[in-house]
Amino acid sequence: MQKQAELYRGKAKTVYSTENPDLLVLEFRNDTSAGDGARIEQFDRKGMVNNKFNYFIMSKLAEAGIPTQMERLLSDTECLVKKLDMVPVECVVA
């Protein structure tokens, strides 16, 4: 599955369209921010860790019978997900 146009770019993830209108590529970047995005730096392997942690959690939810958007991992930093309407939620841990 090839990523195509960039649809959204957040603080640490980028969403791309694919040739299938019902699927998206979710890329976890190494970007880390502080001060509500005022300072952005690179943190080595952050994207890989977040992608694999996200996949692990979504797999456990699916095993428990809870539907998720996850289709499969594409690479260390990318996964294939179902296209859904986003509920904008941000969680900041201090």
N, C-alpha and C. Protein backbone atom coordinates (compact mmCIF):
# COMPACT_ATOMS: atom_id res chain seq x y z
N MET A 1 0.85 -1.18 0.00
CA MET A 1 0.00 0.00 0.00
C MET A 1 0.90 1.24 0.00
N GLN A 2 0.76 2.07 -1.00
CA GLN A 2 1.59 3.26 -1.13
C GLN A 2 0.89 4.49 -0.57
N LYS A 3 1.64 5.30 0.19
CA LYS A 3 1.07 6.56 0.65
C LYS A 3 1.09 7.55 -0.50
N GLN A 4 0.08 8.41 -0.52
CA GLN A 4 -0.04 9.39 -1.59
C GLN A 4 -0.01 10.80 -1.01
N ALA A 5 -1.08 11.54 -1.12
CA ALA A 5 -1.11 12.94 -0.69
C ALA A 5 -1.14 13.06 0.84
N GLU A 6 -0.41 14.05 1.36
CA GLU A 6 -0.48 14.35 2.79
C GLU A 6 -1.81 15.03 3.08
N LEU A 7 -2.57 14.46 4.02
CA LEU A 7 -3.89 14.99 4.37
C LEU A 7 -3.86 15.82 5.64
N TYR A 8 -3.00 15.45 6.57
CA TYR A 8 -2.95 16.12 7.87
C TYR A 8 -1.57 15.94 8.47
N ARG A 9 -1.08 16.99 9.11
CA ARG A 9 0.22 16.93 9.78
C ARG A 9 0.04 17.51 11.17
N GLY A 10 0.18 16.66 12.19
CA GLY A 10 0.07 17.11 13.57
C GLY A 10 1.44 17.27 14.19
N LYS A 11 1.48 17.28 15.52
CA LYS A 11 2.75 17.46 16.24
C LYS A 11 3.70 16.29 16.07
N ALA A 12 3.15 15.07 15.94
CA ALA A 12 4.02 13.89 15.90
C ALA A 12 3.60 12.85 14.87
N LYS A 13 2.48 13.08 14.18
CA LYS A 13 1.98 12.12 13.19
C LYS A 13 1.59 12.84 11.91
N THR A 14 1.69 12.11 10.80
CA THR A 14 1.22 12.60 9.51
C THR A 14 0.29 11.55 8.93
N VAL A 15 -0.81 12.01 8.32
CA VAL A 15 -1.79 11.12 7.71
C VAL A 15 -1.74 11.31 6.20
N TYR A 16 -1.67 10.19 5.47
CA TYR A 16 -1.59 10.21 4.01
C TYR A 16 -2.76 9.42 3.41
N SER A 17 -3.21 9.85 2.25
CA SER A 17 -4.20 9.07 1.51
C SER A 17 -3.49 7.88 0.86
N THR A 18 -4.30 6.92 0.38
CA THR A 18 -3.79 5.77 -0.36
C THR A 18 -4.65 5.60 -1.61
N GLU A 19 -4.33 4.60 -2.42
CA GLU A 19 -5.14 4.34 -3.61
C GLU A 19 -6.53 3.82 -3.24
N ASN A 20 -6.70 3.35 -2.01
CA ASN A 20 -8.00 2.90 -1.52
C ASN A 20 -8.63 4.04 -0.71
N PRO A 21 -9.78 4.57 -1.12
CA PRO A 21 -10.37 5.71 -0.42
C PRO A 21 -10.81 5.42 1.01
N ASP A 22 -10.86 4.15 1.40
CA ASP A 22 -11.28 3.78 2.75
C ASP A 22 -10.10 3.54 3.70
N LEU A 23 -8.87 3.63 3.19
CA LEU A 23 -7.68 3.36 4.01
C LEU A 23 -6.71 4.53 3.96
N LEU A 24 -5.98 4.72 5.06
CA LEU A 24 -4.99 5.78 5.18
C LEU A 24 -3.69 5.21 5.72
N VAL A 25 -2.60 5.90 5.45
CA VAL A 25 -1.32 5.57 6.07
C VAL A 25 -1.09 6.58 7.19
N LEU A 26 -0.84 6.06 8.38
CA LEU A 26 -0.54 6.87 9.55
C LEU A 26 0.95 6.74 9.83
N GLU A 27 1.67 7.86 9.72
CA GLU A 27 3.12 7.86 9.94
C GLU A 27 3.43 8.52 11.28
N PHE A 28 4.17 7.82 12.12
CA PHE A 28 4.61 8.35 13.40
C PHE A 28 6.02 8.92 13.21
N ARG A 29 6.17 10.22 13.45
CA ARG A 29 7.45 10.90 13.23
C ARG A 29 8.26 10.95 14.53
N ASN A 30 9.53 11.30 14.39
CA ASN A 30 10.43 11.43 15.54
C ASN A 30 10.33 12.80 16.20
N ASP A 31 9.42 13.64 15.74
CA ASP A 31 9.28 14.99 16.29
C ASP A 31 8.77 14.93 17.73
N THR A 32 9.33 15.77 18.56
CA THR A 32 8.84 15.96 19.92
C THR A 32 8.73 17.45 20.16
N SER A 33 7.70 17.88 20.85
CA SER A 33 7.48 19.32 21.01
C SER A 33 7.35 19.69 22.48
N ALA A 34 7.62 20.96 22.75
CA ALA A 34 7.46 21.52 24.08
C ALA A 34 6.88 22.92 23.93
N GLY A 35 6.27 23.42 24.98
CA GLY A 35 5.70 24.76 24.92
C GLY A 35 4.60 24.90 23.91
N ASP A 36 3.69 23.91 23.86
CA ASP A 36 2.57 23.91 22.92
C ASP A 36 3.06 24.06 21.48
N GLY A 37 4.13 23.34 21.15
CA GLY A 37 4.65 23.34 19.79
C GLY A 37 5.65 24.43 19.50
N ALA A 38 5.98 25.26 20.49
CA ALA A 38 6.92 26.36 20.27
C ALA A 38 8.32 25.83 19.96
N ARG A 39 8.68 24.71 20.53
CA ARG A 39 9.99 24.11 20.29
C ARG A 39 9.80 22.68 19.81
N ILE A 40 10.31 22.37 18.64
CA ILE A 40 10.21 21.02 18.08
C ILE A 40 11.61 20.48 17.86
N GLU A 41 11.86 19.28 18.37
CA GLU A 41 13.15 18.63 18.21
C GLU A 41 12.92 17.19 17.75
N GLN A 42 13.99 16.55 17.30
CA GLN A 42 13.93 15.16 16.89
C GLN A 42 14.39 14.27 18.04
N PHE A 43 13.66 13.19 18.27
CA PHE A 43 14.01 12.22 19.31
C PHE A 43 14.14 10.87 18.61
N ASP A 44 15.36 10.37 18.51
CA ASP A 44 15.66 9.16 17.75
C ASP A 44 14.76 7.99 18.15
N ARG A 45 14.14 7.34 17.17
CA ARG A 45 13.31 6.14 17.31
C ARG A 45 11.96 6.38 17.98
N LYS A 46 11.60 7.63 18.25
CA LYS A 46 10.31 7.93 18.87
C LYS A 46 9.17 7.46 17.99
N GLY A 47 9.26 7.70 16.68
CA GLY A 47 8.21 7.28 15.76
C GLY A 47 8.02 5.77 15.77
N MET A 48 9.13 5.04 15.78
CA MET A 48 9.06 3.58 15.80
C MET A 48 8.41 3.08 17.08
N VAL A 49 8.83 3.62 18.22
CA VAL A 49 8.28 3.18 19.51
C VAL A 49 6.79 3.48 19.57
N ASN A 50 6.39 4.68 19.17
CA ASN A 50 4.97 5.05 19.22
C ASN A 50 4.12 4.22 18.26
N ASN A 51 4.65 3.92 17.08
CA ASN A 51 3.92 3.10 16.11
C ASN A 51 3.69 1.69 16.66
N LYS A 52 4.73 1.10 17.19
CA LYS A 52 4.61 -0.27 17.70
C LYS A 52 3.77 -0.33 18.98
N PHE A 53 3.87 0.69 19.82
CA PHE A 53 3.03 0.74 21.02
C PHE A 53 1.56 0.89 20.63
N ASN A 54 1.29 1.77 19.67
CA ASN A 54 -0.08 1.95 19.18
C ASN A 54 -0.63 0.65 18.61
N TYR A 55 0.18 -0.05 17.81
CA TYR A 55 -0.25 -1.32 17.23
C TYR A 55 -0.54 -2.35 18.32
N PHE A 56 0.32 -2.40 19.34
CA PHE A 56 0.13 -3.33 20.45
C PHE A 56 -1.20 -3.07 21.17
N ILE A 57 -1.46 -1.81 21.50
CA ILE A 57 -2.70 -1.46 22.20
C ILE A 57 -3.92 -1.77 21.33
N MET A 58 -3.88 -1.40 20.06
CA MET A 58 -5.02 -1.66 19.17
C MET A 58 -5.24 -3.16 18.99
N SER A 59 -4.17 -3.94 18.95
CA SER A 59 -4.29 -5.40 18.84
C SER A 59 -4.97 -5.98 20.08
N LYS A 60 -4.59 -5.50 21.25
CA LYS A 60 -5.21 -5.98 22.50
C LYS A 60 -6.69 -5.61 22.55
N LEU A 61 -7.03 -4.40 22.11
CA LEU A 61 -8.44 -4.00 22.06
C LEU A 61 -9.22 -4.90 21.10
N ALA A 62 -8.64 -5.17 19.92
CA ALA A 62 -9.31 -6.04 18.94
C ALA A 62 -9.50 -7.45 19.50
N GLU A 63 -8.49 -7.97 20.20
CA GLU A 63 -8.61 -9.30 20.82
C GLU A 63 -9.73 -9.34 21.85
N ALA A 64 -10.02 -8.21 22.47
CA ALA A 64 -11.08 -8.12 23.47
C ALA A 64 -12.44 -7.84 22.83
N GLY A 65 -12.48 -7.82 21.49
CA GLY A 65 -13.74 -7.61 20.79
C GLY A 65 -14.11 -6.15 20.57
N ILE A 66 -13.17 -5.25 20.81
CA ILE A 66 -13.42 -3.82 20.61
C ILE A 66 -12.91 -3.43 19.23
N PRO A 67 -13.78 -2.91 18.36
CA PRO A 67 -13.34 -2.53 17.02
C PRO A 67 -12.33 -1.37 17.06
N THR A 68 -11.33 -1.44 16.19
CA THR A 68 -10.34 -0.36 16.07
C THR A 68 -10.17 -0.02 14.60
N GLN A 69 -9.39 1.03 14.35
CA GLN A 69 -9.13 1.44 12.97
C GLN A 69 -7.96 0.69 12.36
N MET A 70 -7.21 -0.06 13.16
CA MET A 70 -5.97 -0.68 12.73
C MET A 70 -6.19 -1.79 11.70
N GLU A 71 -5.43 -1.73 10.61
CA GLU A 71 -5.41 -2.80 9.61
C GLU A 71 -4.13 -3.63 9.75
N ARG A 72 -2.97 -2.96 9.62
CA ARG A 72 -1.70 -3.68 9.76
C ARG A 72 -0.53 -2.70 9.81
N LEU A 73 0.61 -3.19 10.28
CA LEU A 73 1.84 -2.41 10.25
C LEU A 73 2.39 -2.42 8.83
N LEU A 74 2.92 -1.29 8.38
CA LEU A 74 3.55 -1.22 7.07
C LEU A 74 5.07 -1.13 7.18
N SER A 75 5.55 -0.50 8.25
CA SER A 75 6.98 -0.34 8.48
C SER A 75 7.18 -0.02 9.96
N ASP A 76 8.41 0.28 10.33
CA ASP A 76 8.68 0.64 11.72
C ASP A 76 7.91 1.89 12.15
N THR A 77 7.64 2.79 11.22
CA THR A 77 7.01 4.06 11.58
C THR A 77 5.65 4.29 10.94
N GLU A 78 5.17 3.32 10.15
CA GLU A 78 3.90 3.51 9.45
C GLU A 78 2.95 2.34 9.67
N CYS A 79 1.65 2.66 9.73
CA CYS A 79 0.63 1.63 9.79
C CYS A 79 -0.51 2.01 8.86
N LEU A 80 -1.25 1.00 8.46
CA LEU A 80 -2.41 1.18 7.59
C LEU A 80 -3.65 1.17 8.47
N VAL A 81 -4.49 2.19 8.33
CA VAL A 81 -5.68 2.32 9.18
C VAL A 81 -6.90 2.60 8.33
N LYS A 82 -8.07 2.28 8.89
CA LYS A 82 -9.33 2.61 8.23
C LYS A 82 -9.58 4.11 8.34
N LYS A 83 -10.17 4.67 7.30
CA LYS A 83 -10.51 6.09 7.32
C LYS A 83 -11.76 6.29 8.18
N LEU A 84 -11.63 7.14 9.19
CA LEU A 84 -12.72 7.40 10.12
C LEU A 84 -12.85 8.90 10.34
N ASP A 85 -13.94 9.31 10.94
CA ASP A 85 -14.07 10.70 11.38
C ASP A 85 -13.29 10.85 12.68
N MET A 86 -12.44 11.87 12.74
CA MET A 86 -11.59 12.07 13.91
C MET A 86 -12.33 12.85 14.99
N VAL A 87 -12.16 12.41 16.21
CA VAL A 87 -12.62 13.15 17.38
C VAL A 87 -11.37 13.81 17.96
N PRO A 88 -11.25 15.13 17.85
CA PRO A 88 -10.01 15.78 18.29
C PRO A 88 -9.86 15.79 19.81
N VAL A 89 -8.94 14.97 20.31
CA VAL A 89 -8.66 14.88 21.74
C VAL A 89 -7.16 15.00 21.92
N GLU A 90 -6.74 15.81 22.87
CA GLU A 90 -5.32 15.92 23.18
C GLU A 90 -5.13 15.66 24.66
N CYS A 91 -4.12 14.87 24.97
CA CYS A 91 -3.80 14.55 26.36
C CYS A 91 -2.37 14.98 26.63
N VAL A 92 -2.18 15.88 27.58
CA VAL A 92 -0.86 16.35 27.95
C VAL A 92 -0.55 15.84 29.34
N VAL A 93 0.55 15.12 29.46
CA VAL A 93 0.97 14.59 30.76
C VAL A 93 2.11 15.45 31.26
N ALA A 94 1.94 16.01 32.42
CA ALA A 94 2.97 16.90 32.96
C ALA A 94 3.86 16.18 33.95
